[in-house]
Amino acid sequence: QVPLVESGGGLVQAGDSLRLSCTASGRTFSSYAMGWFRQAPGKEREFVAAISWSGGSTYYADSVKGRFTISRDNAKDTVYLLMNSLQPADTDVYYCAASRFPPLEVSEYGYWGQGTQVTVSS
């Protein structure tokens, strides 16, 4: 198990920024690729961003590229998602996840946090 706990969600206005955090415990965090996903009620979970175990490679969904930045601090067992220029369409529950496989093998993320709500008002 890799317990993951997200924080940093909230209610903001369009154009604002938020930084989500996800802290892991119980295993060697630096050996895992980390990803952020989001899901709205009644919709499938959507890939948002991913980062390699070293932090040297990052990947983004087209819908967030240029606005969101994923990063990690392996000394703090934490991955971050900085979200700028937020839009109402970004309203979702955001989940972090961990994988022992390459970051873009989205079906291989086996450990998930409980999610944090992000709501963007217009």
Protein backbone atom coordinates (compact mmCIF):
# COMPACT_ATOMS: atom_id res chain seq x y z
CA GLN A 1 0.00 0.00 0.00
CA VAL A 2 1.00 3.59 -0.66
CA PRO A 3 -1.29 5.83 1.35
CA LEU A 4 -1.79 9.13 -0.43
CA VAL A 5 -3.41 12.23 1.02
CA GLU A 6 -4.37 15.20 -1.15
CA SER A 7 -4.92 18.73 0.07
CA GLY A 8 -5.27 22.22 -1.33
CA GLY A 9 -8.59 22.09 -3.09
CA GLY A 10 -11.21 24.76 -2.67
CA LEU A 11 -13.53 27.28 -4.26
CA VAL A 12 -11.93 29.93 -6.46
CA GLN A 13 -12.94 32.30 -9.21
CA ALA A 14 -12.07 31.96 -12.87
CA GLY A 15 -8.53 33.13 -13.50
CA ASP A 16 -7.35 32.28 -9.99
CA SER A 17 -4.68 29.76 -9.04
CA LEU A 18 -4.53 26.81 -6.66
CA ARG A 19 -1.78 24.45 -5.64
CA LEU A 20 -2.72 20.90 -4.80
CA SER A 21 -0.44 18.74 -2.68
CA CYS A 22 -0.30 14.99 -2.31
CA THR A 23 1.78 13.42 0.42
CA ALA A 24 2.68 9.74 0.49
CA SER A 25 3.65 7.52 3.37
CA GLY A 26 4.63 3.96 4.00
CA ARG A 27 6.85 3.24 1.01
CA THR A 28 9.74 4.66 -0.96
CA PHE A 29 8.04 7.60 -2.62
CA SER A 30 10.90 8.33 -4.99
CA SER A 31 10.52 4.97 -6.71
CA TYR A 32 7.02 5.79 -7.95
CA ALA A 33 5.81 7.76 -10.92
CA MET A 34 3.06 10.11 -9.77
CA GLY A 35 0.02 11.38 -11.56
CA TRP A 36 -2.91 13.71 -11.12
CA PHE A 37 -6.33 12.80 -12.43
CA ARG A 38 -9.74 14.42 -12.17
CA GLN A 39 -13.29 13.24 -12.30
CA ALA A 40 -16.70 14.87 -12.40
CA PRO A 41 -19.85 13.07 -11.23
CA GLY A 42 -21.07 10.65 -13.87
CA LYS A 43 -17.94 11.00 -15.98
CA GLU A 44 -14.85 8.90 -16.45
CA ARG A 45 -11.68 9.74 -14.62
CA GLU A 46 -9.45 11.94 -16.78
CA PHE A 47 -5.67 12.12 -16.88
CA VAL A 48 -4.34 15.57 -16.00
CA ALA A 49 -0.58 15.35 -15.48
CA ALA A 50 2.19 12.93 -14.56
CA ILE A 51 5.79 13.06 -13.43
CA SER A 52 8.56 10.51 -13.48
CA TRP A 53 10.11 9.16 -10.31
CA SER A 54 13.05 11.56 -10.57
CA GLY A 55 10.97 14.54 -11.60
CA GLY A 56 12.94 14.82 -14.80
CA SER A 57 10.01 14.14 -17.11
CA THR A 58 6.55 15.65 -16.97
CA TYR A 59 3.45 15.08 -19.07
CA TYR A 60 0.20 16.98 -19.42
CA ALA A 61 -3.24 16.62 -20.91
CA ASP A 62 -3.77 19.07 -23.77
CA SER A 63 -6.56 20.75 -21.81
CA VAL A 64 -4.20 21.89 -19.06
CA LYS A 65 -0.89 22.28 -20.91
CA GLY A 66 0.58 25.72 -20.30
CA ARG A 67 -1.67 26.34 -17.28
CA PHE A 68 -0.85 23.49 -14.88
CA THR A 69 2.55 22.44 -13.57
CA ILE A 70 3.31 19.16 -11.84
CA SER A 71 6.35 18.87 -9.60
CA ARG A 72 7.60 16.71 -6.77
CA ASP A 73 9.82 16.94 -3.73
CA ASN A 74 11.10 13.47 -2.95
CA ALA A 75 12.62 14.66 0.32
CA LYS A 76 9.11 15.56 1.47
CA ASP A 77 7.35 12.60 -0.20
CA THR A 78 5.07 15.11 -1.87
CA VAL A 79 3.85 15.81 -5.38
CA TYR A 80 2.27 19.13 -6.32
CA LEU A 81 -0.07 20.40 -8.99
CA LEU A 82 0.06 24.15 -9.52
CA MET A 83 -3.04 25.23 -11.41
CA ASN A 84 -3.05 28.70 -12.97
CA SER A 85 -5.71 30.47 -15.00
CA LEU A 86 -8.39 28.18 -13.66
CA GLN A 87 -11.61 27.91 -15.61
CA PRO A 88 -15.06 26.61 -14.66
CA ALA A 89 -14.35 23.57 -16.84
CA ASP A 90 -11.58 22.64 -14.40
CA THR A 91 -14.17 22.00 -11.68
CA ASP A 92 -13.73 18.39 -10.59
CA VAL A 93 -12.52 16.14 -7.83
CA TYR A 94 -8.76 15.84 -8.24
CA TYR A 95 -6.94 12.63 -7.32
CA CYS A 96 -3.28 11.86 -7.05
CA ALA A 97 -2.03 8.40 -7.83
CA ALA A 98 1.19 6.40 -7.72
CA SER A 99 2.58 3.84 -10.14
CA ARG A 100 5.61 1.58 -10.38
CA PHE A 101 5.32 1.78 -14.18
CA PRO A 102 6.16 4.58 -16.64
CA PRO A 103 4.11 7.72 -15.96
CA LEU A 104 1.95 7.58 -19.09
CA GLU A 105 0.76 4.01 -18.56
CA VAL A 106 -2.36 5.42 -16.94
CA SER A 107 -3.98 2.03 -16.43
CA GLU A 108 -1.12 1.02 -14.14
CA TYR A 109 -1.73 3.58 -11.40
CA GLY A 110 -2.53 1.28 -8.51
CA TYR A 111 -2.56 3.60 -5.53
CA TRP A 112 -4.99 6.47 -5.17
CA GLY A 113 -5.75 9.25 -2.77
CA GLN A 114 -9.21 10.13 -1.55
CA GLY A 115 -9.53 13.18 -3.79
CA THR A 116 -9.86 16.89 -3.20
CA GLN A 117 -12.61 19.08 -4.65
CA VAL A 118 -11.73 22.00 -6.89
CA THR A 119 -14.57 24.34 -7.79
CA VAL A 120 -14.07 27.27 -10.15
CA SER A 121 -16.83 29.84 -10.35
CA SER A 122 -17.33 32.09 -13.35
